[in-house]
Protein backbone atom coordinates (compact mmCIF):
# COMPACT_ATOMS: atom_id res chain seq x y z
CA MET A 1 0.10 -0.30 0.01
CA ALA A 2 1.58 3.37 -0.83
CA VAL A 3 2.15 5.57 2.06
CA ALA A 4 2.52 9.58 2.09
CA ILE A 5 3.47 12.09 4.45
CA ILE A 6 1.66 15.47 4.50
CA THR A 7 2.49 18.22 6.74
CA GLY A 8 0.14 20.89 7.65
CA ALA A 9 -2.44 18.87 7.37
CA SER A 10 -4.75 20.06 10.37
CA ARG A 11 -6.84 22.79 8.02
CA GLY A 12 -7.03 24.18 4.44
CA LEU A 13 -5.39 22.08 1.44
CA GLY A 14 -3.40 19.79 3.92
CA ARG A 15 -6.16 18.08 5.24
CA ALA A 16 -8.60 17.93 1.86
CA LEU A 17 -5.25 16.13 0.36
CA ALA A 18 -5.07 14.03 3.02
CA THR A 19 -9.18 13.53 2.94
CA GLY A 20 -8.47 12.70 -0.65
CA LEU A 21 -5.53 10.27 -0.30
CA ALA A 22 -7.11 8.22 2.30
CA GLY A 23 -10.03 8.08 0.05
CA VAL A 24 -8.24 6.21 -2.82
CA GLY A 25 -6.33 3.86 -0.31
CA TRP A 26 -3.39 5.66 0.69
CA ASP A 27 -1.87 5.27 4.32
CA LEU A 28 -0.47 8.69 5.63
CA VAL A 29 1.47 10.32 8.13
CA VAL A 30 -0.06 13.67 8.74
CA ASP A 31 1.21 16.92 11.16
CA ALA A 32 0.13 20.15 12.17
CA ARG A 33 0.94 22.24 15.22
CA ASP A 34 -2.05 21.57 16.83
CA GLY A 35 -3.00 17.86 16.32
CA ARG A 36 -6.40 17.76 18.05
CA PRO A 37 -7.88 18.41 14.39
CA LEU A 38 -6.43 15.42 12.78
CA ALA A 39 -7.59 12.94 15.05
CA ASP A 40 -10.83 12.65 12.56
CA LEU A 41 -8.95 11.92 9.36
CA GLY A 42 -9.68 8.52 9.85
CA PRO A 43 -8.06 5.24 10.19
CA ARG A 44 -6.01 5.62 7.67
CA ALA A 45 -3.70 8.68 8.90
CA ASN A 46 -1.37 8.62 11.73
CA PRO A 47 -1.20 11.84 13.34
CA ILE A 48 2.29 12.93 14.74
CA PRO A 49 1.54 16.58 16.05
CA GLY A 50 4.31 18.97 15.85
CA ASP A 51 6.56 21.46 14.54
CA VAL A 52 8.20 21.23 11.10
CA THR A 53 11.15 23.42 11.95
CA ASP A 54 11.76 20.65 15.19
CA PRO A 55 14.61 18.29 13.96
CA ALA A 56 13.42 15.42 16.10
CA HIS A 57 9.57 16.40 14.99
CA ARG A 58 10.87 15.52 11.28
CA ALA A 59 12.98 12.53 12.08
CA ALA A 60 9.62 11.43 13.92
CA LEU A 61 7.21 11.68 10.66
CA VAL A 62 10.07 9.75 8.50
CA ALA A 63 9.86 6.91 11.20
CA ALA A 64 6.40 6.49 10.94
CA ALA A 65 6.44 6.65 7.42
CA ASP A 66 8.88 3.67 7.87
CA ALA A 67 7.26 1.33 10.32
CA LEU A 68 3.91 1.91 7.63
CA GLY A 69 6.25 0.61 5.14
CA GLY A 70 8.32 3.63 3.90
CA ALA A 71 7.14 6.88 2.15
CA ASP A 72 6.62 6.95 -1.21
CA LEU A 73 5.07 10.69 -1.33
CA LEU A 74 6.27 13.59 0.64
CA VAL A 75 3.93 16.59 0.58
CA ASN A 76 5.32 19.76 2.21
CA ASN A 77 2.30 22.07 2.61
CA ALA A 78 3.08 23.48 5.87
CA GLY A 79 3.70 26.94 6.11
CA ILE A 80 3.11 30.35 6.88
CA LEU A 81 2.04 33.54 5.60
CA GLY A 82 3.54 35.89 7.72
CA PRO A 83 2.19 39.23 9.20
CA SER A 84 -1.19 40.29 7.77
CA PRO A 85 -1.80 42.58 6.66
CA GLN A 86 1.08 42.07 4.77
CA PRO A 87 4.07 44.82 4.50
CA VAL A 88 5.65 45.88 2.02
CA LEU A 89 9.59 44.79 1.81
CA ALA A 90 10.18 47.97 2.94
CA ASP A 91 8.85 47.98 6.20
CA TYR A 92 9.27 44.10 6.83
CA PRO A 93 10.69 42.72 9.84
CA VAL A 94 13.63 40.88 9.13
CA GLU A 95 13.21 38.65 11.81
CA VAL A 96 9.76 37.86 10.78
CA LEU A 97 11.43 37.17 7.68
CA ARG A 98 13.48 34.58 9.21
CA GLU A 99 10.70 32.97 10.54
CA VAL A 100 8.49 32.90 7.14
CA TYR A 101 11.77 30.95 6.02
CA GLU A 102 12.92 28.75 8.23
CA ILE A 103 9.12 27.03 8.20
CA ASN A 104 8.53 28.13 4.27
CA VAL A 105 12.04 27.01 2.76
CA PHE A 106 14.32 25.52 5.56
CA ALA A 107 11.86 22.80 7.08
CA PRO A 108 10.43 21.70 3.81
CA LEU A 109 14.27 21.03 2.55
CA ALA A 110 15.17 19.28 5.82
CA LEU A 111 12.50 16.90 5.74
CA ALA A 112 13.31 15.87 2.13
CA GLN A 113 16.70 15.15 2.74
CA LEU A 114 15.53 12.74 5.45
CA ALA A 115 12.89 11.24 3.28
CA LEU A 116 15.28 10.78 0.23
CA PRO A 117 17.14 7.41 0.86
CA GLY A 118 13.78 6.00 0.92
CA LEU A 119 12.13 7.78 -1.89
CA ARG A 120 14.89 6.97 -4.11
CA LYS A 121 14.92 2.96 -3.67
CA ARG A 122 10.48 3.29 -3.83
CA GLY A 123 11.16 5.50 -7.25
CA GLY A 124 8.55 7.95 -5.13
CA ALA A 125 7.80 11.45 -5.17
CA VAL A 126 7.88 15.03 -3.36
CA ALA A 127 5.50 17.47 -3.80
CA ASN A 128 6.44 20.74 -2.82
CA ILE A 129 3.27 23.16 -2.35
CA THR A 130 3.76 26.41 -4.24
CA SER A 131 2.40 29.35 -5.63
CA ASP A 132 1.67 31.92 -8.41
CA ALA A 133 3.62 34.78 -5.87
CA ALA A 134 6.47 32.41 -6.31
CA VAL A 135 7.11 33.73 -10.19
CA GLU A 136 4.82 37.33 -10.03
CA PRO A 137 6.01 39.78 -8.43
CA TYR A 138 2.66 41.24 -6.26
CA PRO A 139 2.98 44.41 -4.22
CA GLY A 140 2.74 43.31 -0.61
CA TRP A 141 3.89 39.96 -1.55
CA GLY A 142 7.98 40.03 -0.91
CA GLY A 143 7.93 37.81 2.29
CA TYR A 144 5.88 34.72 1.20
CA GLY A 145 6.86 35.29 -2.28
CA SER A 146 10.03 35.15 -2.07
CA ALA A 147 10.45 32.25 0.10
CA LYS A 148 7.80 30.29 -2.21
CA ALA A 149 10.29 31.22 -5.03
CA ALA A 150 13.61 30.17 -2.88
CA LEU A 151 11.80 26.55 -2.39
CA GLU A 152 10.76 26.53 -6.21
CA GLN A 153 14.27 26.70 -6.67
CA ALA A 154 15.84 24.15 -4.16
CA SER A 155 13.30 21.95 -5.62
CA HIS A 156 14.35 22.69 -9.33
CA VAL A 157 18.03 21.91 -8.05
CA LEU A 158 16.98 18.85 -6.12
CA ALA A 159 14.99 17.78 -9.12
CA ALA A 160 18.32 17.94 -11.13
CA GLU A 161 20.46 16.34 -8.72
CA GLU A 162 17.73 13.15 -7.92
CA PRO A 163 16.66 11.56 -11.30
CA ASP A 164 15.42 8.34 -9.64
CA VAL A 165 13.14 10.76 -7.55
CA ARG A 166 9.99 12.89 -8.68
CA VAL A 167 10.29 16.40 -7.37
CA TRP A 168 7.14 18.85 -7.96
CA ARG A 169 6.92 22.23 -7.67
CA VAL A 170 2.89 22.49 -6.87
CA ASP A 171 0.98 25.56 -7.44
CA PRO A 172 -3.00 24.79 -6.33
CA GLY A 173 -4.11 27.95 -7.25
CA ASP A 174 -6.21 30.78 -5.35
CA LEU A 175 -8.05 28.99 -2.56
CA ARG A 176 -10.80 29.42 0.10
CA THR A 177 -8.20 28.93 3.16
CA ARG A 178 -7.66 30.43 6.40
CA MET A 179 -3.96 31.40 5.28
CA HIS A 180 -5.66 33.06 1.73
CA GLN A 181 -8.08 34.73 4.06
CA GLU A 182 -5.32 36.25 6.51
CA ALA A 183 -3.53 37.67 3.16
CA PHE A 184 -6.59 40.11 2.14
CA PRO A 185 -7.93 40.85 6.14
CA GLY A 186 -11.39 42.15 5.85
CA GLU A 187 -12.07 41.15 1.95
CA ASP A 188 -14.70 38.56 0.86
CA ILE A 189 -12.53 35.68 -0.88
CA SER A 190 -15.88 33.78 -1.27
CA ASP A 191 -15.15 33.70 -5.04
CA ARG A 192 -12.36 31.56 -4.71
CA PRO A 193 -13.09 27.66 -4.70
CA PRO A 194 -12.66 25.42 -1.81
CA PRO A 195 -9.44 23.32 -1.37
CA GLU A 196 -11.00 20.29 -1.93
CA ALA A 197 -11.90 21.12 -5.29
CA VAL A 198 -8.26 20.60 -6.62
CA VAL A 199 -8.26 17.39 -4.73
CA PRO A 200 -9.05 15.60 -8.14
CA ALA A 201 -6.22 17.16 -10.10
CA PHE A 202 -3.85 16.27 -7.63
CA LEU A 203 -4.92 12.35 -7.85
CA ARG A 204 -4.30 13.14 -11.28
CA LEU A 205 -0.81 14.18 -11.02
CA LEU A 206 0.03 11.02 -9.05
CA ALA A 207 -1.70 8.81 -11.35
CA ALA A 208 0.23 10.26 -14.62
CA ARG A 209 3.89 10.92 -12.48
CA PRO A 210 4.98 13.38 -14.92
CA ALA A 211 8.77 14.15 -14.74
CA SER A 212 10.04 16.57 -12.37
CA GLY A 213 8.99 20.25 -12.85
CA ARG A 214 6.56 22.93 -11.82
CA ILE A 215 3.05 21.52 -12.15
CA ARG A 216 -0.34 24.34 -12.13
CA LEU A 217 -3.34 22.12 -10.94
CA ALA A 218 -5.39 24.17 -12.36
CA ASP A 219 -3.52 22.78 -15.88
CA LEU A 220 -4.61 18.95 -15.16
C-alpha cells in the first residue's frame, strides 16, 4: 500500500489532500502544530503533532512512515504567510522574514533530506506546495513570495540532482483557505474555490507521474 507524509494537514489544502489520498487507499503520516484536528482524519491517518522546524519532529515523521513500509510521497504543505496584513518589503521585519523562510524553505528541504533515501529506493515523489506569488511580483507579497521562490529553485535543483525521484513544485491556485483570508484581511474571498476542488487534479498528478517540474493543478 502506498504511504504519504503530508505536513500541515489540520486544515486547508493539507487536510483536503489527506482526505483525498486516504479515500483512494493511501496510508498517511500527517502533522500539524495543533494535533487535535488530525484526530478525525480516519483510520488511514497516523497523526504526529509537532512543528516542522523541529529536527526531532521531522525524524519522527519519517520513522512513522518507515513503520508503514516507507514513504512513497512527501507533500511539503505546511507553511506560514507571515504578518497580516502583509507589509511591503521596505517595512518587512527581518526577524519575521527569517521565520517565514525557516518554515517555508528550510523545513521542507530538511524533511526531504530525511525522506530521500527511502524515496530513491521506491521511486517516490516530493510535492512541494508553492504559489503563483513565487513567480509573479505582487506588491505586498515579497516575504511569502520570495520564500516560495526559494523553495521552487531548491526543488528545481533537487530534481536535477535526484533523477530517481519526482520533485514537483505544485501550484494549487487561489483557494478559500484561512491563510488566503489572512492575506486579504476584511475582504470577501468566497469566490475562490475550496481546497477540496483541486484534489482530483492532484490525484491525476500522482497517477500520471509526469517528469519533475512546476505543476499548476489548474492545468490538470
